[in-house]
Amino acid sequence: MRTNLDTYDRECLDLLRRGDGGSVHDLCEDFGVTPTAIRQRLSRLLEQDLVTREAVRLEGRGRPRHIYRVTDRGLKELGNNYGDLARILWTEVKRIDDVATRAAVIEGVRTALVSHYSSQVGEGTTAERFARLAQVMSESGFDVELDERNGLPILREKNCPYPELAGCDPDICNLEQDVFADVLGTPIELTSCWRDGESCCEFEPRSTQLQADVVLLK
């Protein structure tokens, strides 16, 4: 089963790995958030078997302190972060001097992504395609959800899949928007974007004529 880790999950796992474990108090100091927020995150990681919890009694009396450590599965999950490689590859593509060659390479990437998702999304109404795309992305490890606004579906990425890459080049956001449009078979608008300081990225159909076609299961 694939896990759905956001950027902070990975950072939390990495901090525990580098420190050979840590407590809620330790992570509160690292992240600057409340113990409740840390416990909620650790609870999710425990459910996914990415961390373990061990009660350690300090010298003297008092309640034991719980120490969290990364499991073997968690270590494997950390090793599956291809963000740096994607950023390097994209940067090198954009550095190709010949305009036609650069455009052909980017088009090849777009075509491959469309083919990858289309084969799993298939045919159907706009709403059905949105739902299947959200499911496919979620199963692939993306933190996404399906929502609705004014009778139209919204695909929401709750955290940027490639923050470092998108942070230095908005063209990757345009590429993702174009891929979704082809896969979903309708023009797509990026109405909310992490690059603009928003908390998530939202993709929705441009045409209001699709409202009659949309039936979302809640």
N, C-alpha and C. Protein backbone atom coordinates (compact mmCIF):
# COMPACT_ATOMS: atom_id res chain seq x y z
N MET A 1 0.84 -1.19 0.00
CA MET A 1 0.00 0.00 0.00
C MET A 1 0.87 1.24 0.00
N ARG A 2 0.54 2.21 -0.89
CA ARG A 2 1.29 3.43 -0.95
C ARG A 2 0.90 4.35 0.19
N THR A 3 1.83 5.13 0.69
CA THR A 3 1.55 6.08 1.74
C THR A 3 1.38 7.46 1.14
N ASN A 4 0.62 8.31 1.86
CA ASN A 4 0.40 9.68 1.41
C ASN A 4 1.16 10.62 2.34
N LEU A 5 2.39 10.93 2.01
CA LEU A 5 3.22 11.77 2.85
C LEU A 5 3.31 13.16 2.26
N ASP A 6 3.09 14.17 3.11
CA ASP A 6 3.33 15.53 2.65
C ASP A 6 4.75 15.94 3.03
N THR A 7 5.09 17.17 2.70
CA THR A 7 6.45 17.65 2.94
C THR A 7 6.83 17.58 4.41
N TYR A 8 5.88 17.92 5.31
CA TYR A 8 6.18 17.93 6.74
C TYR A 8 6.30 16.51 7.30
N ASP A 9 5.54 15.57 6.72
CA ASP A 9 5.71 14.17 7.13
C ASP A 9 7.13 13.72 6.86
N ARG A 10 7.62 14.01 5.67
CA ARG A 10 8.97 13.61 5.30
C ARG A 10 10.01 14.30 6.17
N GLU A 11 9.77 15.57 6.46
CA GLU A 11 10.71 16.30 7.32
C GLU A 11 10.72 15.71 8.72
N CYS A 12 9.53 15.33 9.20
CA CYS A 12 9.43 14.71 10.52
C CYS A 12 10.19 13.39 10.55
N LEU A 13 9.98 12.56 9.52
CA LEU A 13 10.70 11.28 9.45
C LEU A 13 12.20 11.50 9.37
N ASP A 14 12.60 12.50 8.60
CA ASP A 14 14.03 12.74 8.42
C ASP A 14 14.67 13.22 9.73
N LEU A 15 13.95 14.05 10.48
CA LEU A 15 14.47 14.50 11.77
C LEU A 15 14.62 13.34 12.75
N LEU A 16 13.65 12.44 12.76
CA LEU A 16 13.73 11.27 13.64
C LEU A 16 14.87 10.36 13.21
N ARG A 17 15.05 10.23 11.90
CA ARG A 17 16.13 9.37 11.39
C ARG A 17 17.49 9.94 11.79
N ARG A 18 17.68 11.23 11.56
CA ARG A 18 18.98 11.84 11.85
C ARG A 18 19.28 11.89 13.34
N GLY A 19 18.23 11.97 14.17
CA GLY A 19 18.43 12.03 15.61
C GLY A 19 18.34 10.68 16.29
N ASP A 20 18.22 9.62 15.49
CA ASP A 20 18.04 8.27 16.03
C ASP A 20 16.87 8.24 16.99
N GLY A 21 15.78 8.90 16.61
CA GLY A 21 14.59 8.93 17.43
C GLY A 21 14.40 10.29 18.07
N GLY A 22 13.21 10.51 18.60
CA GLY A 22 12.93 11.77 19.26
C GLY A 22 11.57 11.74 19.93
N SER A 23 11.33 12.69 20.81
CA SER A 23 10.08 12.77 21.55
C SER A 23 9.18 13.84 20.95
N VAL A 24 7.96 13.91 21.47
CA VAL A 24 7.05 14.97 21.05
C VAL A 24 7.66 16.33 21.35
N HIS A 25 8.26 16.44 22.52
CA HIS A 25 8.90 17.71 22.90
C HIS A 25 10.01 18.09 21.91
N ASP A 26 10.82 17.11 21.53
CA ASP A 26 11.90 17.39 20.58
C ASP A 26 11.35 17.94 19.26
N LEU A 27 10.29 17.30 18.76
CA LEU A 27 9.72 17.71 17.48
C LEU A 27 9.01 19.05 17.59
N CYS A 28 8.42 19.34 18.75
CA CYS A 28 7.81 20.66 18.95
C CYS A 28 8.85 21.76 18.80
N GLU A 29 10.02 21.53 19.35
CA GLU A 29 11.08 22.54 19.24
C GLU A 29 11.57 22.68 17.80
N ASP A 30 11.63 21.56 17.07
CA ASP A 30 12.11 21.60 15.68
C ASP A 30 11.11 22.31 14.77
N PHE A 31 9.81 22.02 14.94
CA PHE A 31 8.79 22.55 14.04
C PHE A 31 8.17 23.85 14.54
N GLY A 32 8.28 24.11 15.85
CA GLY A 32 7.68 25.31 16.39
C GLY A 32 6.16 25.27 16.41
N VAL A 33 5.60 24.09 16.63
CA VAL A 33 4.14 23.93 16.68
C VAL A 33 3.75 23.31 18.02
N THR A 34 2.46 23.14 18.23
CA THR A 34 1.95 22.63 19.50
C THR A 34 2.14 21.12 19.62
N PRO A 35 2.18 20.59 20.84
CA PRO A 35 2.25 19.13 21.04
C PRO A 35 1.08 18.40 20.38
N THR A 36 -0.10 19.02 20.37
CA THR A 36 -1.26 18.38 19.75
C THR A 36 -1.03 18.14 18.27
N ALA A 37 -0.48 19.14 17.59
CA ALA A 37 -0.20 19.01 16.16
C ALA A 37 0.83 17.91 15.89
N ILE A 38 1.86 17.84 16.74
CA ILE A 38 2.88 16.81 16.58
C ILE A 38 2.29 15.43 16.85
N ARG A 39 1.49 15.30 17.88
CA ARG A 39 0.89 13.99 18.20
C ARG A 39 -0.02 13.52 17.08
N GLN A 40 -0.76 14.43 16.48
CA GLN A 40 -1.63 14.06 15.35
C GLN A 40 -0.81 13.54 14.18
N ARG A 41 0.30 14.21 13.90
CA ARG A 41 1.15 13.77 12.78
C ARG A 41 1.79 12.43 13.10
N LEU A 42 2.29 12.27 14.31
CA LEU A 42 2.90 11.00 14.69
C LEU A 42 1.89 9.86 14.70
N SER A 43 0.66 10.17 15.07
CA SER A 43 -0.39 9.15 15.06
C SER A 43 -0.62 8.64 13.64
N ARG A 44 -0.62 9.54 12.66
CA ARG A 44 -0.77 9.11 11.26
C ARG A 44 0.41 8.27 10.81
N LEU A 45 1.60 8.67 11.22
CA LEU A 45 2.79 7.91 10.83
C LEU A 45 2.82 6.54 11.50
N LEU A 46 2.31 6.47 12.72
CA LEU A 46 2.22 5.17 13.40
C LEU A 46 1.24 4.24 12.69
N GLU A 47 0.10 4.80 12.26
CA GLU A 47 -0.90 4.00 11.56
C GLU A 47 -0.36 3.43 10.25
N GLN A 48 0.57 4.14 9.63
CA GLN A 48 1.14 3.70 8.36
C GLN A 48 2.40 2.87 8.55
N ASP A 49 2.72 2.55 9.83
CA ASP A 49 3.90 1.74 10.17
C ASP A 49 5.19 2.38 9.69
N LEU A 50 5.24 3.71 9.75
CA LEU A 50 6.44 4.44 9.35
C LEU A 50 7.30 4.82 10.55
N VAL A 51 6.69 4.80 11.74
CA VAL A 51 7.45 5.05 12.97
C VAL A 51 6.98 4.05 14.04
N THR A 52 7.82 3.86 15.05
CA THR A 52 7.44 3.06 16.22
C THR A 52 7.50 3.97 17.44
N ARG A 53 6.85 3.54 18.51
CA ARG A 53 6.86 4.31 19.75
C ARG A 53 7.33 3.41 20.89
N GLU A 54 8.26 3.92 21.65
CA GLU A 54 8.83 3.15 22.77
C GLU A 54 8.81 4.01 24.02
N ALA A 55 8.34 3.43 25.13
CA ALA A 55 8.31 4.14 26.40
C ALA A 55 9.68 4.02 27.07
N VAL A 56 10.29 5.15 27.37
CA VAL A 56 11.61 5.19 28.00
C VAL A 56 11.50 5.94 29.32
N ARG A 57 11.89 5.29 30.39
CA ARG A 57 11.83 5.92 31.71
C ARG A 57 13.14 6.64 32.00
N LEU A 58 13.02 7.90 32.33
CA LEU A 58 14.20 8.69 32.65
C LEU A 58 14.68 8.36 34.06
N GLU A 59 15.86 8.87 34.39
CA GLU A 59 16.40 8.63 35.72
C GLU A 59 15.49 9.25 36.77
N GLY A 60 15.32 8.56 37.86
CA GLY A 60 14.44 9.04 38.92
C GLY A 60 13.01 8.64 38.66
N ARG A 61 12.10 9.22 39.38
CA ARG A 61 10.70 8.89 39.25
C ARG A 61 10.03 9.76 38.20
N GLY A 62 8.80 9.39 37.92
CA GLY A 62 8.05 10.15 36.92
C GLY A 62 7.55 9.26 35.80
N ARG A 63 6.68 9.81 35.01
CA ARG A 63 6.11 9.06 33.91
C ARG A 63 7.16 8.84 32.82
N PRO A 64 7.10 7.69 32.14
CA PRO A 64 8.06 7.45 31.05
C PRO A 64 7.79 8.38 29.88
N ARG A 65 8.82 8.64 29.11
CA ARG A 65 8.70 9.49 27.93
C ARG A 65 8.66 8.59 26.70
N HIS A 66 7.82 8.91 25.76
CA HIS A 66 7.73 8.11 24.54
C HIS A 66 8.72 8.63 23.50
N ILE A 67 9.50 7.70 22.97
CA ILE A 67 10.47 8.01 21.92
C ILE A 67 9.99 7.38 20.61
N TYR A 68 9.99 8.17 19.57
CA TYR A 68 9.55 7.70 18.25
C TYR A 68 10.77 7.49 17.36
N ARG A 69 10.77 6.37 16.65
CA ARG A 69 11.86 6.04 15.74
C ARG A 69 11.30 5.60 14.39
N VAL A 70 12.08 5.81 13.35
CA VAL A 70 11.66 5.46 11.99
C VAL A 70 11.81 3.96 11.78
N THR A 71 10.78 3.34 11.22
CA THR A 71 10.83 1.91 10.92
C THR A 71 11.56 1.67 9.60
N ASP A 72 11.77 0.40 9.28
CA ASP A 72 12.39 0.06 8.00
C ASP A 72 11.53 0.55 6.84
N ARG A 73 10.23 0.45 7.02
CA ARG A 73 9.34 0.95 5.96
C ARG A 73 9.46 2.46 5.81
N GLY A 74 9.60 3.15 6.95
CA GLY A 74 9.78 4.60 6.90
C GLY A 74 11.06 4.99 6.19
N LEU A 75 12.13 4.22 6.43
CA LEU A 75 13.40 4.49 5.76
C LEU A 75 13.27 4.30 4.26
N LYS A 76 12.53 3.27 3.85
CA LYS A 76 12.31 3.05 2.42
C LYS A 76 11.51 4.18 1.82
N GLU A 77 10.54 4.67 2.57
CA GLU A 77 9.70 5.77 2.08
C GLU A 77 10.54 7.04 1.88
N LEU A 78 11.45 7.30 2.80
CA LEU A 78 12.33 8.45 2.65
C LEU A 78 13.19 8.31 1.41
N GLY A 79 13.58 7.09 1.10
CA GLY A 79 14.42 6.86 -0.08
C GLY A 79 13.67 7.00 -1.38
N ASN A 80 12.32 7.10 -1.32
CA ASN A 80 11.53 7.23 -2.54
C ASN A 80 11.22 8.67 -2.89
N ASN A 81 11.95 9.60 -2.33
CA ASN A 81 11.73 11.01 -2.63
C ASN A 81 12.60 11.41 -3.81
N TYR A 82 11.95 11.61 -4.98
CA TYR A 82 12.69 11.92 -6.19
C TYR A 82 12.67 13.42 -6.50
N GLY A 83 12.34 14.25 -5.50
CA GLY A 83 12.23 15.68 -5.74
C GLY A 83 13.50 16.31 -6.29
N ASP A 84 14.65 15.95 -5.70
CA ASP A 84 15.91 16.54 -6.16
C ASP A 84 16.21 16.14 -7.59
N LEU A 85 15.98 14.86 -7.91
CA LEU A 85 16.24 14.39 -9.27
C LEU A 85 15.34 15.09 -10.27
N ALA A 86 14.05 15.24 -9.93
CA ALA A 86 13.11 15.91 -10.82
C ALA A 86 13.53 17.35 -11.06
N ARG A 87 13.95 18.02 -10.00
CA ARG A 87 14.36 19.41 -10.14
C ARG A 87 15.58 19.54 -11.05
N ILE A 88 16.55 18.66 -10.87
CA ILE A 88 17.76 18.71 -11.69
C ILE A 88 17.45 18.42 -13.16
N LEU A 89 16.63 17.39 -13.39
CA LEU A 89 16.28 17.04 -14.76
C LEU A 89 15.52 18.16 -15.45
N TRP A 90 14.56 18.75 -14.74
CA TRP A 90 13.78 19.85 -15.32
C TRP A 90 14.66 21.06 -15.61
N THR A 91 15.57 21.36 -14.71
CA THR A 91 16.49 22.48 -14.92
C THR A 91 17.35 22.27 -16.16
N GLU A 92 17.84 21.06 -16.33
CA GLU A 92 18.67 20.76 -17.48
C GLU A 92 17.88 20.83 -18.79
N VAL A 93 16.62 20.39 -18.74
CA VAL A 93 15.77 20.50 -19.93
C VAL A 93 15.59 21.97 -20.32
N LYS A 94 15.32 22.83 -19.34
CA LYS A 94 15.09 24.24 -19.62
C LYS A 94 16.37 24.95 -20.09
N ARG A 95 17.51 24.32 -19.86
CA ARG A 95 18.78 24.93 -20.29
C ARG A 95 19.15 24.55 -21.72
N ILE A 96 18.38 23.72 -22.37
CA ILE A 96 18.66 23.36 -23.77
C ILE A 96 18.56 24.62 -24.62
N ASP A 97 19.62 24.93 -25.33
CA ASP A 97 19.68 26.18 -26.08
C ASP A 97 18.72 26.21 -27.27
N ASP A 98 18.66 25.11 -28.01
CA ASP A 98 17.82 25.08 -29.19
C ASP A 98 16.34 25.06 -28.79
N VAL A 99 15.60 26.09 -29.22
CA VAL A 99 14.21 26.25 -28.81
C VAL A 99 13.36 25.06 -29.25
N ALA A 100 13.54 24.62 -30.49
CA ALA A 100 12.74 23.52 -31.02
C ALA A 100 13.01 22.23 -30.27
N THR A 101 14.28 21.98 -29.98
CA THR A 101 14.64 20.76 -29.25
C THR A 101 14.07 20.80 -27.84
N ARG A 102 14.20 21.96 -27.18
CA ARG A 102 13.67 22.09 -25.82
C ARG A 102 12.16 21.87 -25.80
N ALA A 103 11.46 22.45 -26.76
CA ALA A 103 10.01 22.30 -26.84
C ALA A 103 9.62 20.85 -27.10
N ALA A 104 10.41 20.16 -27.94
CA ALA A 104 10.11 18.76 -28.26
C ALA A 104 10.28 17.87 -27.03
N VAL A 105 11.30 18.15 -26.23
CA VAL A 105 11.53 17.35 -25.02
C VAL A 105 10.39 17.56 -24.02
N ILE A 106 9.99 18.82 -23.81
CA ILE A 106 8.91 19.11 -22.87
C ILE A 106 7.60 18.51 -23.36
N GLU A 107 7.37 18.56 -24.68
CA GLU A 107 6.17 17.95 -25.23
C GLU A 107 6.19 16.44 -25.02
N GLY A 108 7.37 15.85 -25.13
CA GLY A 108 7.49 14.42 -24.88
C GLY A 108 7.14 14.07 -23.45
N VAL A 109 7.57 14.91 -22.50
CA VAL A 109 7.23 14.70 -21.09
C VAL A 109 5.72 14.81 -20.89
N ARG A 110 5.12 15.84 -21.50
CA ARG A 110 3.68 16.04 -21.37
C ARG A 110 2.90 14.84 -21.94
N THR A 111 3.31 14.40 -23.11
CA THR A 111 2.64 13.27 -23.76
C THR A 111 2.73 12.01 -22.91
N ALA A 112 3.90 11.77 -22.34
CA ALA A 112 4.09 10.59 -21.50
C ALA A 112 3.22 10.64 -20.26
N LEU A 113 3.11 11.81 -19.64
CA LEU A 113 2.27 11.95 -18.45
C LEU A 113 0.79 11.77 -18.79
N VAL A 114 0.38 12.34 -19.92
CA VAL A 114 -1.01 12.18 -20.34
C VAL A 114 -1.33 10.71 -20.58
N SER A 115 -0.44 10.02 -21.24
CA SER A 115 -0.63 8.60 -21.52
C SER A 115 -0.70 7.79 -20.23
N HIS A 116 0.17 8.13 -19.29
CA HIS A 116 0.21 7.42 -18.01
C HIS A 116 -1.11 7.54 -17.26
N TYR A 117 -1.62 8.77 -17.14
CA TYR A 117 -2.85 8.97 -16.39
C TYR A 117 -4.09 8.54 -17.17
N SER A 118 -4.11 8.80 -18.48
CA SER A 118 -5.29 8.48 -19.28
C SER A 118 -5.58 6.99 -19.28
N SER A 119 -4.52 6.18 -19.28
CA SER A 119 -4.72 4.73 -19.30
C SER A 119 -5.41 4.24 -18.03
N GLN A 120 -5.32 5.00 -16.95
CA GLN A 120 -5.94 4.61 -15.68
C GLN A 120 -7.26 5.33 -15.43
N VAL A 121 -7.40 6.52 -15.98
CA VAL A 121 -8.63 7.29 -15.78
C VAL A 121 -9.73 6.83 -16.71
N GLY A 122 -9.39 6.57 -17.97
CA GLY A 122 -10.36 6.07 -18.92
C GLY A 122 -11.37 7.11 -19.36
N GLU A 123 -12.53 6.62 -19.86
CA GLU A 123 -13.58 7.49 -20.36
C GLU A 123 -14.61 7.76 -19.26
N GLY A 124 -15.64 8.55 -19.62
CA GLY A 124 -16.70 8.85 -18.67
C GLY A 124 -17.03 10.32 -18.66
N THR A 125 -17.93 10.70 -17.77
CA THR A 125 -18.27 12.11 -17.62
C THR A 125 -17.10 12.86 -16.99
N THR A 126 -17.20 14.17 -17.04
CA THR A 126 -16.16 14.99 -16.43
C THR A 126 -16.02 14.67 -14.94
N ALA A 127 -17.14 14.53 -14.26
CA ALA A 127 -17.11 14.22 -12.82
C ALA A 127 -16.45 12.87 -12.56
N GLU A 128 -16.78 11.89 -13.39
CA GLU A 128 -16.21 10.55 -13.22
C GLU A 128 -14.70 10.58 -13.47
N ARG A 129 -14.27 11.33 -14.46
CA ARG A 129 -12.83 11.42 -14.73
C ARG A 129 -12.09 12.12 -13.59
N PHE A 130 -12.69 13.20 -13.08
CA PHE A 130 -12.08 13.88 -11.94
C PHE A 130 -11.92 12.92 -10.77
N ALA A 131 -12.97 12.15 -10.50
CA ALA A 131 -12.94 11.22 -9.36
C ALA A 131 -11.87 10.16 -9.55
N ARG A 132 -11.76 9.62 -10.76
CA ARG A 132 -10.76 8.57 -11.00
C ARG A 132 -9.35 9.14 -10.98
N LEU A 133 -9.17 10.36 -11.51
CA LEU A 133 -7.84 10.97 -11.47
C LEU A 133 -7.42 11.21 -10.03
N ALA A 134 -8.33 11.69 -9.20
CA ALA A 134 -8.01 11.90 -7.78
C ALA A 134 -7.63 10.59 -7.11
N GLN A 135 -8.33 9.52 -7.45
CA GLN A 135 -8.03 8.21 -6.87
C GLN A 135 -6.67 7.71 -7.31
N VAL A 136 -6.38 7.83 -8.62
CA VAL A 136 -5.09 7.39 -9.16
C VAL A 136 -3.94 8.15 -8.51
N MET A 137 -4.09 9.47 -8.39
CA MET A 137 -3.03 10.28 -7.79
C MET A 137 -2.84 9.93 -6.32
N SER A 138 -3.95 9.72 -5.61
CA SER A 138 -3.87 9.36 -4.19
C SER A 138 -3.15 8.04 -4.00
N GLU A 139 -3.46 7.07 -4.85
CA GLU A 139 -2.80 5.76 -4.77
C GLU A 139 -1.32 5.85 -5.12
N SER A 140 -0.95 6.90 -5.85
CA SER A 140 0.45 7.08 -6.23
C SER A 140 1.23 7.89 -5.21
N GLY A 141 0.56 8.28 -4.11
CA GLY A 141 1.26 8.98 -3.04
C GLY A 141 1.02 10.47 -2.99
N PHE A 142 0.18 11.03 -3.89
CA PHE A 142 -0.12 12.46 -3.85
C PHE A 142 -1.18 12.72 -2.77
N ASP A 143 -1.06 13.86 -2.11
CA ASP A 143 -2.02 14.24 -1.09
C ASP A 143 -3.10 15.09 -1.75
N VAL A 144 -4.13 14.45 -2.30
CA VAL A 144 -5.17 15.14 -3.06
C VAL A 144 -6.54 14.80 -2.51
N GLU A 145 -7.51 15.64 -2.85
CA GLU A 145 -8.90 15.36 -2.50
C GLU A 145 -9.80 15.92 -3.59
N LEU A 146 -11.00 15.37 -3.68
CA LEU A 146 -11.98 15.83 -4.65
C LEU A 146 -13.01 16.67 -3.92
N ASP A 147 -13.32 17.83 -4.49
CA ASP A 147 -14.29 18.73 -3.87
C ASP A 147 -15.24 19.25 -4.95
N GLU A 148 -16.09 20.17 -4.60
CA GLU A 148 -17.09 20.69 -5.53
C GLU A 148 -17.32 22.17 -5.24
N ARG A 149 -17.48 22.96 -6.30
CA ARG A 149 -17.81 24.38 -6.14
C ARG A 149 -18.75 24.78 -7.27
N ASN A 150 -19.90 25.34 -6.93
CA ASN A 150 -20.89 25.76 -7.92
C ASN A 150 -21.28 24.62 -8.86
N GLY A 151 -21.37 23.43 -8.31
CA GLY A 151 -21.77 22.28 -9.10
C GLY A 151 -20.69 21.69 -9.97
N LEU A 152 -19.46 22.21 -9.87
CA LEU A 152 -18.35 21.71 -10.68
C LEU A 152 -17.30 21.03 -9.80
N PRO A 153 -16.65 20.00 -10.31
CA PRO A 153 -15.65 19.29 -9.50
C PRO A 153 -14.37 20.10 -9.37
N ILE A 154 -13.70 19.89 -8.27
CA ILE A 154 -12.40 20.53 -8.01
C ILE A 154 -11.42 19.46 -7.58
N LEU A 155 -10.26 19.43 -8.22
CA LEU A 155 -9.17 18.56 -7.79
C LEU A 155 -8.22 19.41 -6.97
N ARG A 156 -8.07 19.05 -5.70
CA ARG A 156 -7.27 19.86 -4.79
C ARG A 156 -6.01 19.09 -4.38
N GLU A 157 -4.85 19.68 -4.66
CA GLU A 157 -3.57 19.15 -4.16
C GLU A 157 -3.28 19.86 -2.85
N LYS A 158 -3.36 19.12 -1.75
CA LYS A 158 -3.25 19.76 -0.43
C LYS A 158 -1.82 20.16 -0.09
N ASN A 159 -0.88 19.65 -0.83
CA ASN A 159 0.49 20.16 -0.75
C ASN A 159 1.13 20.01 -2.12
N CYS A 160 2.04 20.91 -2.44
CA CYS A 160 2.68 20.89 -3.75
C CYS A 160 3.50 19.61 -3.90
N PRO A 161 3.32 18.85 -4.99
CA PRO A 161 4.08 17.61 -5.18
C PRO A 161 5.58 17.86 -5.37
N TYR A 162 5.94 19.05 -5.84
CA TYR A 162 7.34 19.35 -6.11
C TYR A 162 7.60 20.81 -5.76
N PRO A 163 7.62 21.14 -4.47
CA PRO A 163 7.74 22.55 -4.05
C PRO A 163 9.01 23.24 -4.52
N GLU A 164 10.15 22.53 -4.48
CA GLU A 164 11.40 23.16 -4.90
C GLU A 164 11.38 23.48 -6.38
N LEU A 165 10.83 22.56 -7.16
CA LEU A 165 10.77 22.75 -8.61
C LEU A 165 9.80 23.87 -8.97
N ALA A 166 8.61 23.84 -8.40
CA ALA A 166 7.61 24.87 -8.69
C ALA A 166 8.05 26.23 -8.16
N GLY A 167 8.82 26.21 -7.08
CA GLY A 167 9.27 27.47 -6.51
C GLY A 167 10.22 28.24 -7.39
N CYS A 168 10.92 27.54 -8.27
CA CYS A 168 11.90 28.22 -9.13
C CYS A 168 11.43 28.34 -10.58
N ASP A 169 10.32 27.67 -10.94
CA ASP A 169 9.88 27.73 -12.34
C ASP A 169 8.38 27.46 -12.43
N PRO A 170 7.57 28.49 -12.72
CA PRO A 170 6.12 28.30 -12.80
C PRO A 170 5.69 27.46 -13.99
N ASP A 171 6.59 27.21 -14.94
CA ASP A 171 6.21 26.42 -16.12
C ASP A 171 5.80 25.00 -15.74
N ILE A 172 6.31 24.48 -14.62
CA ILE A 172 5.94 23.13 -14.21
C ILE A 172 4.46 23.10 -13.81
N CYS A 173 3.95 24.22 -13.26
CA CYS A 173 2.53 24.32 -12.92
C CYS A 173 1.69 24.34 -14.20
N ASN A 174 2.18 25.07 -15.21
CA ASN A 174 1.47 25.12 -16.49
C ASN A 174 1.45 23.74 -17.15
N LEU A 175 2.55 23.01 -17.03
CA LEU A 175 2.63 21.67 -17.60
C LEU A 175 1.59 20.76 -16.92
N GLU A 176 1.52 20.82 -15.60
CA GLU A 176 0.57 19.99 -14.88
C GLU A 176 -0.87 20.33 -15.28
N GLN A 177 -1.14 21.62 -15.43
CA GLN A 177 -2.48 22.05 -15.84
C GLN A 177 -2.83 21.52 -17.23
N ASP A 178 -1.89 21.56 -18.15
CA ASP A 178 -2.12 21.05 -19.51
C ASP A 178 -2.34 19.54 -19.50
N VAL A 179 -1.58 18.83 -18.68
CA VAL A 179 -1.73 17.37 -18.59
C VAL A 179 -3.12 17.03 -18.07
N PHE A 180 -3.55 17.70 -17.00
CA PHE A 180 -4.88 17.42 -16.45
C PHE A 180 -5.97 17.72 -17.47
N ALA A 181 -5.81 18.80 -18.24
CA ALA A 181 -6.81 19.15 -19.24
C ALA A 181 -6.97 18.04 -20.27
N ASP A 182 -5.85 17.49 -20.72
CA ASP A 182 -5.91 16.41 -21.71
C ASP A 182 -6.50 15.14 -21.12
N VAL A 183 -6.11 14.82 -19.89
CA VAL A 183 -6.59 13.60 -19.26
C VAL A 183 -8.09 13.69 -18.97
N LEU A 184 -8.55 14.87 -18.54
CA LEU A 184 -9.94 15.05 -18.16
C LEU A 184 -10.83 15.40 -19.34
N GLY A 185 -10.22 15.75 -20.46
CA GLY A 185 -11.00 16.04 -21.66
C GLY A 185 -11.75 17.34 -21.61
N THR A 186 -11.25 18.32 -20.85
CA THR A 186 -11.90 19.62 -20.75
C THR A 186 -10.87 20.66 -20.33
N PRO A 187 -11.03 21.93 -20.77
CA PRO A 187 -10.10 22.98 -20.32
C PRO A 187 -10.10 23.11 -18.80
N ILE A 188 -8.91 23.22 -18.23
CA ILE A 188 -8.75 23.28 -16.78
C ILE A 188 -8.12 24.60 -16.38
N GLU A 189 -8.57 25.15 -15.27
CA GLU A 189 -8.00 26.39 -14.74
C GLU A 189 -7.39 26.13 -13.37
N LEU A 190 -6.19 26.64 -13.18
CA LEU A 190 -5.54 26.56 -11.87
C LEU A 190 -5.99 27.78 -11.08
N THR A 191 -7.03 27.60 -10.26
CA THR A 191 -7.66 28.73 -9.57
C THR A 191 -7.00 29.09 -8.25
N SER A 192 -6.21 28.20 -7.71
CA SER A 192 -5.48 28.46 -6.47
C SER A 192 -4.14 27.77 -6.58
N CYS A 193 -3.06 28.47 -6.20
CA CYS A 193 -1.72 27.91 -6.41
C CYS A 193 -0.83 28.16 -5.20
N TRP A 194 -0.11 27.12 -4.83
CA TRP A 194 0.85 27.21 -3.73
C TRP A 194 1.88 28.29 -3.98
N ARG A 195 2.28 28.49 -5.24
CA ARG A 195 3.29 29.51 -5.58
C ARG A 195 2.84 30.91 -5.20
N ASP A 196 1.53 31.13 -5.18
CA ASP A 196 0.99 32.46 -4.88
C ASP A 196 0.72 32.65 -3.39
N GLY A 197 1.21 31.72 -2.59
CA GLY A 197 1.03 31.83 -1.15
C GLY A 197 -0.21 31.13 -0.62
N GLU A 198 -0.94 30.45 -1.52
CA GLU A 198 -2.11 29.71 -1.07
C GLU A 198 -1.70 28.42 -0.36
N SER A 199 -2.61 27.85 0.40
CA SER A 199 -2.30 26.64 1.16
C SER A 199 -2.41 25.37 0.33
N CYS A 200 -2.95 25.47 -0.89
CA CYS A 200 -3.12 24.30 -1.74
C CYS A 200 -3.21 24.76 -3.20
N CYS A 201 -3.22 23.77 -4.10
CA CYS A 201 -3.43 24.04 -5.52
C CYS A 201 -4.78 23.44 -5.91
N GLU A 202 -5.61 24.22 -6.61
CA GLU A 202 -6.93 23.75 -7.01
C GLU A 202 -7.08 23.84 -8.52
N PHE A 203 -7.54 22.74 -9.11
CA PHE A 203 -7.80 22.67 -10.55
C PHE A 203 -9.28 22.43 -10.75
N GLU A 204 -9.91 23.25 -11.62
CA GLU A 204 -11.32 23.07 -11.89
C GLU A 204 -11.63 23.38 -13.35
N PRO A 205 -12.75 22.85 -13.87
CA PRO A 205 -13.11 23.11 -15.27
C PRO A 205 -13.38 24.59 -15.50
N ARG A 206 -13.08 25.06 -16.70
CA ARG A 206 -13.32 26.46 -17.02
C ARG A 206 -14.78 26.73 -17.42
N SER A 207 -15.39 25.77 -18.10
CA SER A 207 -16.71 26.00 -18.68
C SER A 207 -17.82 25.68 -17.70
N THR A 208 -18.76 26.64 -17.50
CA THR A 208 -19.91 26.40 -16.64
C THR A 208 -20.93 25.49 -17.32
N GLN A 209 -20.76 25.24 -18.61
CA GLN A 209 -21.67 24.36 -19.32
C GLN A 209 -21.54 22.91 -18.83
N LEU A 210 -20.49 22.63 -18.07
CA LEU A 210 -20.29 21.27 -17.58
C LEU A 210 -21.15 20.96 -16.37
N GLN A 211 -21.84 21.94 -15.83
CA GLN A 211 -22.58 21.72 -14.59
C GLN A 211 -23.63 20.62 -14.73
N ALA A 212 -24.29 20.56 -15.86
CA ALA A 212 -25.32 19.56 -16.03
C ALA A 212 -24.75 18.16 -16.11
N ASP A 213 -23.44 18.07 -16.37
CA ASP A 213 -22.80 16.77 -16.53
C ASP A 213 -22.21 16.26 -15.22
N VAL A 214 -22.19 17.12 -14.19
CA VAL A 214 -21.46 16.82 -12.97
C VAL A 214 -22.37 16.24 -11.91
N VAL A 215 -22.03 15.02 -11.45
CA VAL A 215 -22.72 14.43 -10.30
C VAL A 215 -21.64 13.85 -9.42
N LEU A 216 -21.39 14.48 -8.28
CA LEU A 216 -20.32 14.03 -7.39
C LEU A 216 -20.91 13.23 -6.24
N LEU A 217 -20.26 12.12 -5.93
CA LEU A 217 -20.64 11.33 -4.77
C LEU A 217 -20.04 11.95 -3.54
N LYS A 218 -20.84 12.16 -2.55
CA LYS A 218 -20.34 12.78 -1.31
C LYS A 218 -20.31 11.75 -0.22
